[in-house]
């Protein structure tokens, strides 16, 4: 392994080695600067980050097919705006992990705090533990698979994409939902405005099986229920005023 203390380290990693950045020596700005290099996918496609110690903004704005393994817990907005990269957090993640991601894969081996995958347009976010409130808020095409539970108002204003919850869901699931699909294996404390349970047809079972396989979750799709929009709040109607 070629250890990098700063992006200016003379020991440049090759395409056959793993670049290692120790955040007890380097800082997050240096790490992200190195990961944003235009030729990073050719020169250093594989990265390992040690001693993250809950720092914020790690591996944000990636725009190349690189793999980043983070050994420990991360703070706010890890892997935000991700495009093409594969980022794995071997620990817990703070608020807004994978916020506004476009493509690629972000995996959290532990739990995620609030707003995981917020506004994300594409790609796959996997939280192997549980996710807190507003998981998938305003999701716009991302696929999110949570191995445990999600907190209140998850998928709030979800516009497109799929949220899979292998555990339980908190209050107001899918509040003000548009066209995102929600699959829950456990119990739902309450549904939000305009969110209803829908029939689980064959195409949904196949879709769910594919998502679970991609996330590495050994769950039976037949044990899930599907939720979606009742489409009653798309246009203002005075009878629905209290729900807006």
Protein backbone atom coordinates (compact mmCIF):
# COMPACT_ATOMS: atom_id res chain seq x y z
CA UNK A 1 0.00 0.00 0.00
CA UNK A 2 1.19 3.52 -0.76
CA UNK A 3 0.46 5.76 2.23
CA UNK A 4 -0.44 9.34 1.44
CA UNK A 5 -0.13 11.95 4.16
CA UNK A 6 -1.02 14.75 1.71
CA UNK A 7 -1.99 14.78 -1.97
CA UNK A 8 1.54 16.05 -2.66
CA UNK A 9 3.20 12.93 -1.24
CA UNK A 10 5.98 11.78 -3.58
CA UNK A 11 4.85 8.15 -3.25
CA UNK A 12 2.12 8.28 -5.85
CA UNK A 13 -0.10 5.16 -5.83
CA UNK A 14 -0.30 3.08 -8.99
CA UNK A 15 -3.34 1.46 -10.53
CA UNK A 16 -2.39 -1.79 -8.79
CA UNK A 17 -1.99 -0.39 -5.27
CA UNK A 18 -4.31 1.16 -2.73
CA UNK A 19 -3.82 4.78 -1.74
CA UNK A 20 -4.07 5.15 2.04
CA UNK A 21 -4.88 8.50 3.61
CA UNK A 22 -4.56 8.83 7.39
CA UNK A 23 -6.80 11.68 8.55
CA UNK A 24 -4.86 11.98 11.77
CA UNK A 25 -2.08 13.37 9.54
CA UNK A 26 -3.80 14.75 6.44
CA UNK A 27 -6.99 16.79 6.53
CA UNK A 28 -10.29 16.31 4.72
CA UNK A 29 -9.59 19.14 2.27
CA UNK A 30 -6.39 17.41 1.16
CA UNK A 31 -8.15 14.07 0.82
CA UNK A 32 -11.00 15.48 -1.26
CA UNK A 33 -8.56 17.45 -3.40
CA UNK A 34 -6.72 14.26 -4.25
CA UNK A 35 -9.95 12.41 -4.99
CA UNK A 36 -11.05 15.25 -7.32
CA UNK A 37 -7.95 14.97 -9.51
CA UNK A 38 -9.05 14.57 -13.16
CA UNK A 39 -6.90 11.44 -13.65
CA UNK A 40 -7.64 9.82 -10.27
CA UNK A 41 -9.45 6.80 -11.75
CA UNK A 42 -6.43 5.93 -13.89
CA UNK A 43 -3.70 6.64 -11.37
CA UNK A 44 -5.38 5.61 -8.10
CA UNK A 45 -8.72 3.80 -8.47
CA UNK A 46 -8.66 2.36 -4.94
CA UNK A 47 -8.49 4.38 -1.71
CA UNK A 48 -8.57 3.66 2.00
CA UNK A 49 -9.20 6.36 4.61
CA UNK A 50 -8.10 5.68 8.17
CA UNK A 51 -8.83 7.54 11.41
CA UNK A 52 -11.85 9.50 10.11
CA UNK A 53 -12.90 10.12 13.74
CA UNK A 54 -16.30 11.55 12.80
CA UNK A 55 -14.97 14.28 10.52
CA UNK A 56 -17.46 15.98 8.21
CA UNK A 57 -17.51 16.14 4.42
CA UNK A 58 -15.35 13.10 3.72
CA UNK A 59 -15.29 11.91 0.07
CA UNK A 60 -17.78 14.50 -1.20
CA UNK A 61 -18.31 15.47 -4.81
CA UNK A 62 -16.55 12.46 -6.31
CA UNK A 63 -16.84 12.29 -10.09
CA UNK A 64 -14.86 9.21 -11.08
CA UNK A 65 -15.06 5.43 -10.90
CA UNK A 66 -13.00 5.03 -7.76
CA UNK A 67 -13.48 2.88 -4.66
CA UNK A 68 -13.14 4.51 -1.24
CA UNK A 69 -13.13 2.45 1.97
CA UNK A 70 -13.46 4.52 5.16
CA UNK A 71 -12.34 2.70 8.30
CA UNK A 72 -14.45 4.21 11.06
CA UNK A 73 -17.28 6.61 11.81
CA UNK A 74 -17.91 9.71 9.69
CA UNK A 75 -19.68 12.99 10.40
CA UNK A 76 -22.03 15.10 8.29
CA UNK A 77 -22.53 14.77 4.52
CA UNK A 78 -20.13 11.93 3.79
CA UNK A 79 -20.19 10.98 0.09
CA UNK A 80 -22.51 13.85 -0.74
CA UNK A 81 -23.01 14.59 -4.46
CA UNK A 82 -21.43 11.26 -5.33
CA UNK A 83 -21.15 10.38 -9.01
CA UNK A 84 -19.80 7.03 -10.21
CA UNK A 85 -17.74 6.23 -7.10
CA UNK A 86 -18.23 3.37 -4.65
CA UNK A 87 -17.89 4.58 -1.05
CA UNK A 88 -18.10 2.27 1.96
CA UNK A 89 -18.21 3.50 5.55
CA UNK A 90 -17.09 0.84 8.00
CA UNK A 91 -18.93 2.50 10.87
CA UNK A 92 -21.77 4.95 11.45
CA UNK A 93 -22.57 8.04 9.40
CA UNK A 94 -23.81 11.46 10.49
CA UNK A 95 -26.49 13.68 8.98
CA UNK A 96 -26.97 13.70 5.21
CA UNK A 97 -24.86 10.76 4.07
CA UNK A 98 -25.01 10.50 0.25
CA UNK A 99 -27.01 13.72 0.03
CA UNK A 100 -27.78 14.65 -3.58
CA UNK A 101 -25.86 11.67 -4.97
CA UNK A 102 -26.21 11.13 -8.71
CA UNK A 103 -24.88 7.62 -9.30
CA UNK A 104 -22.54 5.00 -7.89
CA UNK A 105 -22.93 3.18 -4.59
CA UNK A 106 -22.66 4.37 -1.00
CA UNK A 107 -22.76 1.75 1.75
CA UNK A 108 -22.86 2.37 5.50
CA UNK A 109 -21.97 -0.72 7.49
CA UNK A 110 -23.44 0.75 10.67
CA UNK A 111 -26.27 3.22 11.32
CA UNK A 112 -27.05 6.52 9.59
CA UNK A 113 -28.31 9.73 11.15
CA UNK A 114 -31.02 11.98 9.75
CA UNK A 115 -31.69 12.75 6.09
CA UNK A 116 -29.73 9.86 4.60
CA UNK A 117 -29.90 10.11 0.81
CA UNK A 118 -31.68 13.47 0.90
CA UNK A 119 -32.54 14.86 -2.57
CA UNK A 120 -30.50 12.10 -4.22
CA UNK A 121 -31.10 11.66 -7.95
CA UNK A 122 -29.65 8.20 -8.61
CA UNK A 123 -27.35 5.41 -7.53
CA UNK A 124 -27.73 3.03 -4.61
CA UNK A 125 -27.47 3.89 -0.92
CA UNK A 126 -27.31 0.94 1.49
CA UNK A 127 -27.53 1.38 5.25
CA UNK A 128 -26.91 -1.98 6.85
CA UNK A 129 -28.08 -0.78 10.26
CA UNK A 130 -30.90 1.67 10.91
CA UNK A 131 -31.49 5.19 9.60
CA UNK A 132 -32.92 8.08 11.60
CA UNK A 133 -35.62 10.59 10.67
CA UNK A 134 -36.29 11.76 7.12
CA UNK A 135 -34.39 9.01 5.36
CA UNK A 136 -34.80 9.67 1.64
CA UNK A 137 -36.37 13.11 2.10
CA UNK A 138 -37.18 14.59 -1.32
CA UNK A 139 -35.54 11.62 -3.06
CA UNK A 140 -35.46 12.12 -6.81
CA UNK A 141 -34.50 8.73 -8.27
CA UNK A 142 -32.11 7.10 -5.81
CA UNK A 143 -32.57 3.57 -4.51
CA UNK A 144 -32.19 3.31 -0.72
CA UNK A 145 -32.09 -0.02 1.13
CA UNK A 146 -32.06 0.01 4.94
CA UNK A 147 -31.34 -3.20 6.80
CA UNK A 148 -32.96 -2.00 10.03
CA UNK A 149 -35.52 0.67 10.90
CA UNK A 150 -36.15 4.19 9.62
CA UNK A 151 -37.29 7.18 11.64
CA UNK A 152 -40.24 9.51 11.22
CA UNK A 153 -41.12 11.22 7.94
CA UNK A 154 -38.92 8.99 5.83
CA UNK A 155 -39.40 9.51 2.07
CA UNK A 156 -41.10 12.84 2.84
CA UNK A 157 -41.89 14.44 -0.53
CA UNK A 158 -40.22 11.51 -2.29
CA UNK A 159 -40.46 12.25 -6.01
CA UNK A 160 -38.89 9.18 -7.62
CA UNK A 161 -36.84 6.12 -6.70
CA UNK A 162 -37.34 3.28 -4.24
CA UNK A 163 -36.98 3.09 -0.44
CA UNK A 164 -36.70 -0.42 1.02
CA UNK A 165 -36.97 -0.85 4.79
CA UNK A 166 -36.18 -4.29 6.15
CA UNK A 167 -37.23 -3.28 9.67
CA UNK A 168 -39.92 -0.91 10.95
CA UNK A 169 -40.86 2.62 9.87
CA UNK A 170 -41.69 5.54 12.15
CA UNK A 171 -44.46 8.13 12.00
CA UNK A 172 -45.64 9.85 8.82
CA UNK A 173 -43.98 7.50 6.34
CA UNK A 174 -44.14 8.89 2.81
CA UNK A 175 -45.76 12.17 3.79
CA UNK A 176 -46.64 14.22 0.69
CA UNK A 177 -45.23 11.48 -1.52
CA UNK A 178 -45.08 11.87 -5.29
CA UNK A 179 -44.00 8.81 -7.31
CA UNK A 180 -41.35 7.17 -5.12
CA UNK A 181 -42.10 3.59 -4.11
CA UNK A 182 -41.71 2.36 -0.55
CA UNK A 183 -41.35 -1.26 0.58
CA UNK A 184 -41.46 -2.11 4.30
CA UNK A 185 -41.01 -5.55 5.84
CA UNK A 186 -41.86 -4.58 9.43
CA UNK A 187 -44.51 -2.38 10.98
CA UNK A 188 -45.36 1.21 10.04
CA UNK A 189 -46.21 3.48 12.95
CA UNK A 190 -48.28 5.78 10.74
CA UNK A 191 -48.57 6.91 7.13
CA UNK A 192 -48.13 10.53 6.15
CA UNK A 193 -50.50 12.69 4.13
CA UNK A 194 -51.48 11.11 0.80
CA UNK A 195 -49.47 7.92 1.40
CA UNK A 196 -51.41 4.66 1.15
CA UNK A 197 -50.71 0.94 1.08
CA UNK A 198 -50.84 -0.49 -2.43
CA UNK A 199 -51.12 -3.93 -3.98
CA UNK A 200 -47.92 -5.96 -4.19
CA UNK A 201 -47.98 -7.37 -7.72
CA UNK A 202 -45.53 -9.63 -9.48
CA UNK A 203 -43.52 -6.79 -11.00
CA UNK A 204 -43.07 -5.26 -7.57
CA UNK A 205 -41.84 -8.55 -6.09
CA UNK A 206 -39.31 -8.81 -8.92
CA UNK A 207 -38.22 -5.20 -8.47
CA UNK A 208 -37.81 -5.68 -4.73
CA UNK A 209 -35.88 -8.94 -5.15
CA UNK A 210 -33.42 -7.14 -7.43
CA UNK A 211 -32.95 -4.30 -4.95
CA UNK A 212 -32.41 -6.64 -2.01
CA UNK A 213 -29.87 -8.66 -3.99
CA UNK A 214 -27.98 -5.51 -5.01
CA UNK A 215 -27.85 -4.45 -1.35
CA UNK A 216 -26.83 -7.90 -0.12
CA UNK A 217 -29.91 -8.25 2.10
CA UNK A 218 -31.18 -11.81 2.67
CA UNK A 219 -34.88 -10.96 2.99
CA UNK A 220 -37.88 -12.60 1.37
CA UNK A 221 -39.67 -10.07 -0.88
CA UNK A 222 -42.97 -11.79 -0.09
CA UNK A 223 -42.76 -10.46 3.48
CA UNK A 224 -42.88 -6.79 2.41
CA UNK A 225 -45.74 -4.38 1.87
CA UNK A 226 -45.76 -1.61 -0.73
CA UNK A 227 -46.73 2.03 -0.16
CA UNK A 228 -47.19 4.87 -2.61
CA UNK A 229 -48.99 8.10 -3.35
CA UNK A 230 -52.78 8.31 -3.41
CA UNK A 231 -52.27 11.25 -5.82
CA UNK A 232 -54.83 13.40 -4.03
CA UNK A 233 -52.48 16.31 -3.27
CA UNK A 234 -51.02 16.86 -6.75
CA UNK A 235 -53.31 19.83 -7.29
CA UNK A 236 -54.78 22.13 -4.70
CA UNK A 237 -58.33 21.38 -3.61
CA UNK A 238 -60.02 23.27 -0.83
CA UNK A 239 -61.25 20.04 0.79
CA UNK A 240 -57.61 19.01 1.30
CA UNK A 241 -56.43 22.36 2.67
CA UNK A 242 -55.57 20.97 6.08
CA UNK A 243 -53.21 18.40 4.56
CA UNK A 244 -50.99 20.89 2.70
